[in-house]
Amino acid sequence: MLLQYSDTFTLTTNDFYYDKQIKLSAILNFFQTVAGDHADILGAGFDELLKKDIVWMLINVKCTIYKNLHRGDKITVTTIPLPKTRIGYIRDYYIYNENGELCIKGSSFWCHVSFSQRKILRPTFEYVGEFVDKRAYEEDFERLKPFPVSQNPTYVCKILNTHIDGNAHANNIKYADFAVDGLDEIPQISEFEIRYVSECKKGEELAIGYEKQDNIIYVCGENNGKTSFAAKITTK
């Protein structure tokens, strides 16, 4: 069995910002959806692992946008897992339009975590099948550095019901919205990378700040004085 999975989707109005640019959170949602469906097929889905008190936790995710997409477009999203590393699992993604053109690529790094103890576990699950000899990126994820924001945040958001997922914390894709919500306007984005540091739970507040350097916007979020996430938005 080839370790690759694809699904097709039709883009709707909700997948785009007001300027008709595809949302970062929509991209991450497509990544998360195909990753979850593929994990179910491989016997490592949410319900199966939870029986063993294990859940998947996303540590890093990155995407690069090459071509514009539009409402009504039909896209194919392909995900390819890579061999297990010493501490976790890398999974890549490719989004193609109806003409088979690569519009977006991405990569993610996942760990196994004890659901009850919230501790990272050694990876033990082994994929069964033939790995695809392909990498979305040759370079490693950037170790994005946090910076202090609590004393003077650009804005503060409260974690609400619609942010929470089955792991009882703010869903990974919501942080892409958090990252752009405090900007004066949404720039034309060519690349996005985020590092998840600590989880946020319902009722908690997330203080978010920005630092701009040329065509790069660095984002940091703090929860109760601790770094929750760090992100990098590269603009065109």
C-alpha atoms as a PDB file:
ATOM      1  CA  MET A   1       0.000   0.000   0.000  1.00  0.00           C
ATOM      2  CA  LEU A   2       1.334   3.399  -1.016  1.00  0.00           C
ATOM      3  CA  LEU A   3       1.335   5.788   1.954  1.00  0.00           C
ATOM      4  CA  GLN A   4      -0.550   8.593   0.297  1.00  0.00           C
ATOM      5  CA  TYR A   5      -4.107   9.886   0.522  1.00  0.00           C
ATOM      6  CA  SER A   6      -6.109  12.424  -1.497  1.00  0.00           C
ATOM      7  CA  ASP A   7      -9.539  13.981  -1.296  1.00  0.00           C
ATOM      8  CA  THR A   8     -11.365  16.631  -3.301  1.00  0.00           C
ATOM      9  CA  PHE A   9     -13.151  19.736  -2.047  1.00  0.00           C
ATOM     10  CA  THR A  10     -15.046  22.674  -3.499  1.00  0.00           C
ATOM     11  CA  LEU A  11     -14.033  26.074  -2.147  1.00  0.00           C
ATOM     12  CA  THR A  12     -16.804  28.206  -0.653  1.00  0.00           C
ATOM     13  CA  THR A  13     -17.112  31.846   0.400  1.00  0.00           C
ATOM     14  CA  ASN A  14     -16.136  30.902   3.956  1.00  0.00           C
ATOM     15  CA  ASP A  15     -12.710  29.767   2.735  1.00  0.00           C
ATOM     16  CA  PHE A  16     -11.681  33.326   1.811  1.00  0.00           C
ATOM     17  CA  TYR A  17     -10.843  36.617   3.484  1.00  0.00           C
ATOM     18  CA  TYR A  18     -12.692  39.799   2.520  1.00  0.00           C
ATOM     19  CA  ASP A  19     -10.064  40.461  -0.189  1.00  0.00           C
ATOM     20  CA  LYS A  20     -10.798  37.087  -1.856  1.00  0.00           C
ATOM     21  CA  GLN A  21      -7.495  35.631  -0.645  1.00  0.00           C
ATOM     22  CA  ILE A  22      -7.751  32.073   0.687  1.00  0.00           C
ATOM     23  CA  LYS A  23      -7.705  31.997   4.477  1.00  0.00           C
ATOM     24  CA  LEU A  24      -4.720  30.495   6.261  1.00  0.00           C
ATOM     25  CA  SER A  25      -7.183  28.752   8.572  1.00  0.00           C
ATOM     26  CA  ALA A  26      -8.930  27.217   5.538  1.00  0.00           C
ATOM     27  CA  ILE A  27      -5.614  25.838   4.282  1.00  0.00           C
ATOM     28  CA  LEU A  28      -4.832  24.365   7.698  1.00  0.00           C
ATOM     29  CA  ASN A  29      -8.345  22.934   7.876  1.00  0.00           C
ATOM     30  CA  PHE A  30      -7.838  21.055   4.603  1.00  0.00           C
ATOM     31  CA  PHE A  31      -4.496  19.782   5.898  1.00  0.00           C
ATOM     32  CA  GLN A  32      -6.062  18.678   9.180  1.00  0.00           C
ATOM     33  CA  THR A  33      -9.020  16.998   7.470  1.00  0.00           C
ATOM     34  CA  VAL A  34      -6.999  14.820   5.094  1.00  0.00           C
ATOM     35  CA  ALA A  35      -4.458  14.010   7.813  1.00  0.00           C
ATOM     36  CA  GLY A  36      -7.240  12.857  10.137  1.00  0.00           C
ATOM     37  CA  ASP A  37      -8.961  10.793   7.455  1.00  0.00           C
ATOM     38  CA  HIS A  38      -5.687   9.155   6.449  1.00  0.00           C
ATOM     39  CA  ALA A  39      -4.814   8.418  10.073  1.00  0.00           C
ATOM     40  CA  ASP A  40      -8.194   6.667  10.455  1.00  0.00           C
ATOM     41  CA  ILE A  41      -7.438   4.506   7.423  1.00  0.00           C
ATOM     42  CA  LEU A  42      -4.009   3.625   8.817  1.00  0.00           C
ATOM     43  CA  GLY A  43      -5.409   2.653  12.229  1.00  0.00           C
ATOM     44  CA  ALA A  44      -4.015   5.686  14.026  1.00  0.00           C
ATOM     45  CA  GLY A  45      -7.065   7.935  14.103  1.00  0.00           C
ATOM     46  CA  PHE A  46      -8.320   9.975  17.044  1.00  0.00           C
ATOM     47  CA  ASP A  47     -10.788   7.400  18.397  1.00  0.00           C
ATOM     48  CA  GLU A  48      -8.383   4.481  18.039  1.00  0.00           C
ATOM     49  CA  LEU A  49      -5.490   6.199  19.791  1.00  0.00           C
ATOM     50  CA  LEU A  50      -7.687   7.661  22.530  1.00  0.00           C
ATOM     51  CA  LYS A  51      -8.420   4.105  23.689  1.00  0.00           C
ATOM     52  CA  LYS A  52      -4.734   4.031  24.629  1.00  0.00           C
ATOM     53  CA  ASP A  53      -4.840   7.509  26.228  1.00  0.00           C
ATOM     54  CA  ILE A  54      -2.914   8.904  23.233  1.00  0.00           C
ATOM     55  CA  VAL A  55      -3.731  11.881  21.024  1.00  0.00           C
ATOM     56  CA  TRP A  56      -1.932  13.544  18.144  1.00  0.00           C
ATOM     57  CA  MET A  57      -0.519  16.987  18.959  1.00  0.00           C
ATOM     58  CA  LEU A  58       0.584  19.371  16.231  1.00  0.00           C
ATOM     59  CA  ILE A  59       3.908  21.080  16.964  1.00  0.00           C
ATOM     60  CA  ASN A  60       4.723  22.848  13.684  1.00  0.00           C
ATOM     61  CA  VAL A  61       2.948  23.568  10.434  1.00  0.00           C
ATOM     62  CA  LYS A  62       4.049  25.489   7.371  1.00  0.00           C
ATOM     63  CA  CYS A  63       2.499  26.331   4.008  1.00  0.00           C
ATOM     64  CA  THR A  64       3.614  28.091   0.829  1.00  0.00           C
ATOM     65  CA  ILE A  65       1.093  29.641  -1.559  1.00  0.00           C
ATOM     66  CA  TYR A  66       2.015  29.620  -5.251  1.00  0.00           C
ATOM     67  CA  LYS A  67      -1.205  30.298  -7.130  1.00  0.00           C
ATOM     68  CA  ASN A  68      -4.460  32.063  -6.284  1.00  0.00           C
ATOM     69  CA  LEU A  69      -7.604  30.019  -5.751  1.00  0.00           C
ATOM     70  CA  HIS A  70     -11.191  31.218  -6.070  1.00  0.00           C
ATOM     71  CA  ARG A  71     -14.658  30.507  -4.742  1.00  0.00           C
ATOM     72  CA  GLY A  72     -16.134  27.515  -6.549  1.00  0.00           C
ATOM     73  CA  ASP A  73     -12.768  26.011  -7.462  1.00  0.00           C
ATOM     74  CA  LYS A  74     -12.498  22.260  -7.070  1.00  0.00           C
ATOM     75  CA  ILE A  75      -9.226  21.281  -5.416  1.00  0.00           C
ATOM     76  CA  THR A  76      -7.436  18.029  -4.703  1.00  0.00           C
ATOM     77  CA  VAL A  77      -5.617  17.844  -1.373  1.00  0.00           C
ATOM     78  CA  THR A  78      -2.956  15.143  -1.074  1.00  0.00           C
ATOM     79  CA  THR A  79      -1.174  14.152   2.116  1.00  0.00           C
ATOM     80  CA  ILE A  80       1.988  12.075   2.396  1.00  0.00           C
ATOM     81  CA  PRO A  81       3.424  10.870   5.718  1.00  0.00           C
ATOM     82  CA  LEU A  82       7.181  10.525   6.073  1.00  0.00           C
ATOM     83  CA  PRO A  83       9.027   7.856   8.070  1.00  0.00           C
ATOM     84  CA  LYS A  84       8.834   8.209  11.850  1.00  0.00           C
ATOM     85  CA  THR A  85      11.560  10.322  13.431  1.00  0.00           C
ATOM     86  CA  ARG A  86      13.087   9.903  16.868  1.00  0.00           C
ATOM     87  CA  ILE A  87      10.514  12.216  18.455  1.00  0.00           C
ATOM     88  CA  GLY A  88       7.550  12.377  16.107  1.00  0.00           C
ATOM     89  CA  TYR A  89       6.020  12.304  12.664  1.00  0.00           C
ATOM     90  CA  ILE A  90       6.241  14.603   9.634  1.00  0.00           C
ATOM     91  CA  ARG A  91       3.339  14.785   7.208  1.00  0.00           C
ATOM     92  CA  ASP A  92       3.382  16.783   3.954  1.00  0.00           C
ATOM     93  CA  TYR A  93       0.536  18.258   1.896  1.00  0.00           C
ATOM     94  CA  TYR A  94      -0.100  19.398  -1.660  1.00  0.00           C
ATOM     95  CA  ILE A  95      -3.139  21.288  -2.973  1.00  0.00           C
ATOM     96  CA  TYR A  96      -3.808  21.156  -6.721  1.00  0.00           C
ATOM     97  CA  ASN A  97      -6.395  22.944  -8.839  1.00  0.00           C
ATOM     98  CA  GLU A  98      -8.569  21.296 -11.493  1.00  0.00           C
ATOM     99  CA  ASN A  99      -5.772  21.677 -14.036  1.00  0.00           C
ATOM    100  CA  GLY A 100      -3.412  19.684 -11.834  1.00  0.00           C
ATOM    101  CA  GLU A 101      -1.322  22.741 -11.012  1.00  0.00           C
ATOM    102  CA  LEU A 102       0.302  22.903  -7.582  1.00  0.00           C
ATOM    103  CA  CYS A 103      -1.250  25.892  -5.807  1.00  0.00           C
ATOM    104  CA  ILE A 104      -0.187  25.319  -2.202  1.00  0.00           C
ATOM    105  CA  LYS A 105       2.218  22.988  -0.441  1.00  0.00           C
ATOM    106  CA  GLY A 106       2.736  22.417   3.254  1.00  0.00           C
ATOM    107  CA  SER A 107       4.267  20.311   5.969  1.00  0.00           C
ATOM    108  CA  SER A 108       3.509  19.508   9.596  1.00  0.00           C
ATOM    109  CA  PHE A 109       5.209  17.894  12.553  1.00  0.00           C
ATOM    110  CA  TRP A 110       3.181  15.857  15.055  1.00  0.00           C
ATOM    111  CA  CYS A 111       3.909  14.180  18.382  1.00  0.00           C
ATOM    112  CA  HIS A 112       1.998  11.672  20.461  1.00  0.00           C
ATOM    113  CA  VAL A 113       0.806  13.011  23.800  1.00  0.00           C
ATOM    114  CA  SER A 114      -0.838  11.376  26.805  1.00  0.00           C
ATOM    115  CA  PHE A 115      -4.388  12.757  26.837  1.00  0.00           C
ATOM    116  CA  SER A 116      -4.734  12.457  30.624  1.00  0.00           C
ATOM    117  CA  GLN A 117      -1.250  13.681  31.602  1.00  0.00           C
ATOM    118  CA  ARG A 118      -0.548  16.103  28.730  1.00  0.00           C
ATOM    119  CA  LYS A 119       2.974  14.695  28.353  1.00  0.00           C
ATOM    120  CA  ILE A 120       4.784  14.039  25.085  1.00  0.00           C
ATOM    121  CA  LEU A 121       5.328  10.327  24.474  1.00  0.00           C
ATOM    122  CA  ARG A 122       7.923   8.441  22.494  1.00  0.00           C
ATOM    123  CA  PRO A 123       6.559   7.651  19.023  1.00  0.00           C
ATOM    124  CA  THR A 124       5.717   3.969  18.714  1.00  0.00           C
ATOM    125  CA  PHE A 125       3.218   3.766  15.861  1.00  0.00           C
ATOM    126  CA  GLU A 126       4.716   2.327  12.695  1.00  0.00           C
ATOM    127  CA  TYR A 127       3.220   3.044   9.294  1.00  0.00           C
ATOM    128  CA  VAL A 128       2.618  -0.074   7.227  1.00  0.00           C
ATOM    129  CA  GLY A 129       3.118   0.551   3.530  1.00  0.00           C
ATOM    130  CA  GLU A 130       5.430   2.071   0.971  1.00  0.00           C
ATOM    131  CA  PHE A 131       6.648   5.591   1.645  1.00  0.00           C
ATOM    132  CA  VAL A 132       6.523   8.097  -1.203  1.00  0.00           C
ATOM    133  CA  ASP A 133       9.980   9.400  -2.082  1.00  0.00           C
ATOM    134  CA  LYS A 134       9.020  13.054  -1.940  1.00  0.00           C
ATOM    135  CA  ARG A 135       9.530  15.976   0.431  1.00  0.00           C
ATOM    136  CA  ALA A 136       7.622  19.250   0.504  1.00  0.00           C
ATOM    137  CA  TYR A 137      10.622  21.058   2.043  1.00  0.00           C
ATOM    138  CA  GLU A 138      14.278  20.149   2.358  1.00  0.00           C
ATOM    139  CA  GLU A 139      14.856  22.511   5.271  1.00  0.00           C
ATOM    140  CA  ASP A 140      13.658  21.898   8.817  1.00  0.00           C
ATOM    141  CA  PHE A 141      10.943  23.948  10.472  1.00  0.00           C
ATOM    142  CA  GLU A 142      12.207  27.289  11.683  1.00  0.00           C
ATOM    143  CA  ARG A 143      12.511  27.548  15.439  1.00  0.00           C
ATOM    144  CA  LEU A 144      10.469  30.703  15.737  1.00  0.00           C
ATOM    145  CA  LYS A 145      11.461  32.771  18.733  1.00  0.00           C
ATOM    146  CA  PRO A 146       8.782  34.215  20.999  1.00  0.00           C
ATOM    147  CA  PHE A 147       8.891  37.817  22.182  1.00  0.00           C
ATOM    148  CA  PRO A 148       7.126  39.482  25.138  1.00  0.00           C
ATOM    149  CA  VAL A 149       3.624  40.771  24.448  1.00  0.00           C
ATOM    150  CA  SER A 150       1.615  40.571  27.686  1.00  0.00           C
ATOM    151  CA  GLN A 151       2.422  44.119  28.835  1.00  0.00           C
ATOM    152  CA  ASN A 152       1.471  45.725  25.539  1.00  0.00           C
ATOM    153  CA  PRO A 153      -0.501  43.328  23.321  1.00  0.00           C
ATOM    154  CA  THR A 154      -1.981  44.455  20.034  1.00  0.00           C
ATOM    155  CA  TYR A 155      -5.172  42.674  21.006  1.00  0.00           C
ATOM    156  CA  VAL A 156      -6.500  40.046  23.393  1.00  0.00           C
ATOM    157  CA  CYS A 157      -8.907  37.270  22.441  1.00  0.00           C
ATOM    158  CA  LYS A 158     -10.827  34.957  24.717  1.00  0.00           C
ATOM    159  CA  ILE A 159     -10.963  31.223  23.940  1.00  0.00           C
ATOM    160  CA  LEU A 160     -14.615  30.389  23.320  1.00  0.00           C
ATOM    161  CA  ASN A 161     -16.773  27.355  22.566  1.00  0.00           C
ATOM    162  CA  THR A 162     -16.212  27.574  18.799  1.00  0.00           C
ATOM    163  CA  HIS A 163     -12.433  27.406  19.260  1.00  0.00           C
ATOM    164  CA  ILE A 164     -12.374  24.102  21.153  1.00  0.00           C
ATOM    165  CA  ASP A 165     -11.765  20.660  19.604  1.00  0.00           C
ATOM    166  CA  GLY A 166     -11.869  17.034  20.786  1.00  0.00           C
ATOM    167  CA  ASN A 167      -8.592  17.456  22.645  1.00  0.00           C
ATOM    168  CA  ALA A 168     -10.331  20.003  24.926  1.00  0.00           C
ATOM    169  CA  HIS A 169      -8.187  22.924  23.808  1.00  0.00           C
ATOM    170  CA  ALA A 170      -8.220  25.560  21.058  1.00  0.00           C
ATOM    171  CA  ASN A 171      -8.009  23.808  17.704  1.00  0.00           C
ATOM    172  CA  ASN A 172      -4.807  24.225  15.714  1.00  0.00           C
ATOM    173  CA  ILE A 173      -6.473  25.933  12.773  1.00  0.00           C
ATOM    174  CA  LYS A 174      -7.926  28.686  14.975  1.00  0.00           C
ATOM    175  CA  TYR A 175      -4.443  30.059  15.662  1.00  0.00           C
ATOM    176  CA  ALA A 176      -4.139  31.063  12.006  1.00  0.00           C
ATOM    177  CA  ASP A 177      -7.166  33.316  12.549  1.00  0.00           C
ATOM    178  CA  PHE A 178      -5.744  34.597  15.832  1.00  0.00           C
ATOM    179  CA  ALA A 179      -2.497  35.450  13.995  1.00  0.00           C
ATOM    180  CA  VAL A 180      -4.136  37.741  11.430  1.00  0.00           C
ATOM    181  CA  ASP A 181      -7.029  39.172  13.438  1.00  0.00           C
ATOM    182  CA  GLY A 182      -4.913  41.887  15.083  1.00  0.00           C
ATOM    183  CA  LEU A 183      -3.420  43.208  11.831  1.00  0.00           C
ATOM    184  CA  ASP A 184      -4.637  46.542  10.460  1.00  0.00           C
ATOM    185  CA  GLU A 185      -5.293  44.755   7.188  1.00  0.00           C
ATOM    186  CA  ILE A 186      -4.515  41.328   5.786  1.00  0.00           C
ATOM    187  CA  PRO A 187      -1.472  41.432   3.478  1.00  0.00           C
ATOM    188  CA  GLN A 188      -0.938  39.304   0.394  1.00  0.00           C
ATOM    189  CA  ILE A 189       0.553  36.186   1.963  1.00  0.00           C
ATOM    190  CA  SER A 190       3.074  33.912   0.274  1.00  0.00           C
ATOM    191  CA  GLU A 191       4.088  31.750   3.239  1.00  0.00           C
ATOM    192  CA  PHE A 192       2.954  31.003   6.769  1.00  0.00           C
ATOM    193  CA  GLU A 193       4.626  29.044   9.549  1.00  0.00           C
ATOM    194  CA  ILE A 194       3.516  28.475  13.124  1.00  0.00           C
ATOM    195  CA  ARG A 195       5.001  26.782  16.157  1.00  0.00           C
ATOM    196  CA  TYR A 196       2.625  25.632  18.863  1.00  0.00           C
ATOM    197  CA  VAL A 197       4.177  25.934  22.315  1.00  0.00           C
ATOM    198  CA  SER A 198       1.432  25.505  24.913  1.00  0.00           C
ATOM    199  CA  GLU A 199      -2.292  24.867  24.683  1.00  0.00           C
ATOM    200  CA  CYS A 200      -5.124  27.282  25.416  1.00  0.00           C
ATOM    201  CA  LYS A 201      -8.334  26.102  27.047  1.00  0.00           C
ATOM    202  CA  LYS A 202     -11.847  27.471  27.101  1.00  0.00           C
ATOM    203  CA  GLY A 203     -12.192  30.715  29.045  1.00  0.00           C
ATOM    204  CA  GLU A 204      -8.499  31.582  28.913  1.00  0.00           C
ATOM    205  CA  GLU A 205      -7.227  34.740  27.250  1.00  0.00           C
ATOM    206  CA  LEU A 206      -4.602  34.964  24.529  1.00  0.00           C
ATOM    207  CA  ALA A 207      -2.564  38.178  24.255  1.00  0.00           C
ATOM    208  CA  ILE A 208      -1.138  38.687  20.769  1.00  0.00           C
ATOM    209  CA  GLY A 209       1.579  41.002  19.469  1.00  0.00           C
ATOM    210  CA  TYR A 210       3.446  41.665  16.213  1.00  0.00           C
ATOM    211  CA  GLU A 211       6.928  42.574  15.030  1.00  0.00           C
ATOM    212  CA  LYS A 212       7.489  43.565  11.392  1.00  0.00           C
ATOM    213  CA  GLN A 213      10.757  43.239   9.470  1.00  0.00           C
ATOM    214  CA  ASP A 214      10.630  44.111   5.773  1.00  0.00           C
ATOM    215  CA  ASN A 215       8.167  41.656   4.185  1.00  0.00           C
ATOM    216  CA  ILE A 216       7.934  39.422   7.270  1.00  0.00           C
ATOM    217  CA  ILE A 217       5.470  39.725  10.133  1.00  0.00           C
ATOM    218  CA  TYR A 218       6.343  37.850  13.312  1.00  0.00           C
ATOM    219  CA  VAL A 219       3.462  36.996  15.631  1.00  0.00           C
ATOM    220  CA  CYS A 220       3.523  35.845  19.232  1.00  0.00           C
ATOM    221  CA  GLY A 221       0.691  34.810  21.506  1.00  0.00           C
ATOM    222  CA  GLU A 222       0.867  34.563  25.301  1.00  0.00           C
ATOM    223  CA  ASN A 223      -1.506  32.837  27.681  1.00  0.00           C
ATOM    224  CA  ASN A 224      -1.164  33.605  31.393  1.00  0.00           C
ATOM    225  CA  GLY A 225       2.328  34.988  30.789  1.00  0.00           C
ATOM    226  CA  LYS A 226       3.500  31.868  28.917  1.00  0.00           C
ATOM    227  CA  THR A 227       4.129  31.640  25.196  1.00  0.00           C
ATOM    228  CA  SER A 228       1.274  29.843  23.476  1.00  0.00           C
ATOM    229  CA  PHE A 229       2.429  30.132  19.870  1.00  0.00           C
ATOM    230  CA  ALA A 230       4.875  31.896  17.587  1.00  0.00           C
ATOM    231  CA  ALA A 231       4.196  32.476  13.891  1.00  0.00           C
ATOM    232  CA  LYS A 232       5.803  33.973  10.802  1.00  0.00           C
ATOM    233  CA  ILE A 233       3.847  35.523   7.931  1.00  0.00           C
ATOM    234  CA  THR A 234       5.822  36.193   4.751  1.00  0.00           C
ATOM    235  CA  THR A 235       4.173  38.683   2.406  1.00  0.00           C
ATOM    236  CA  LYS A 236       4.509  39.170  -1.338  1.00  0.00           C
END
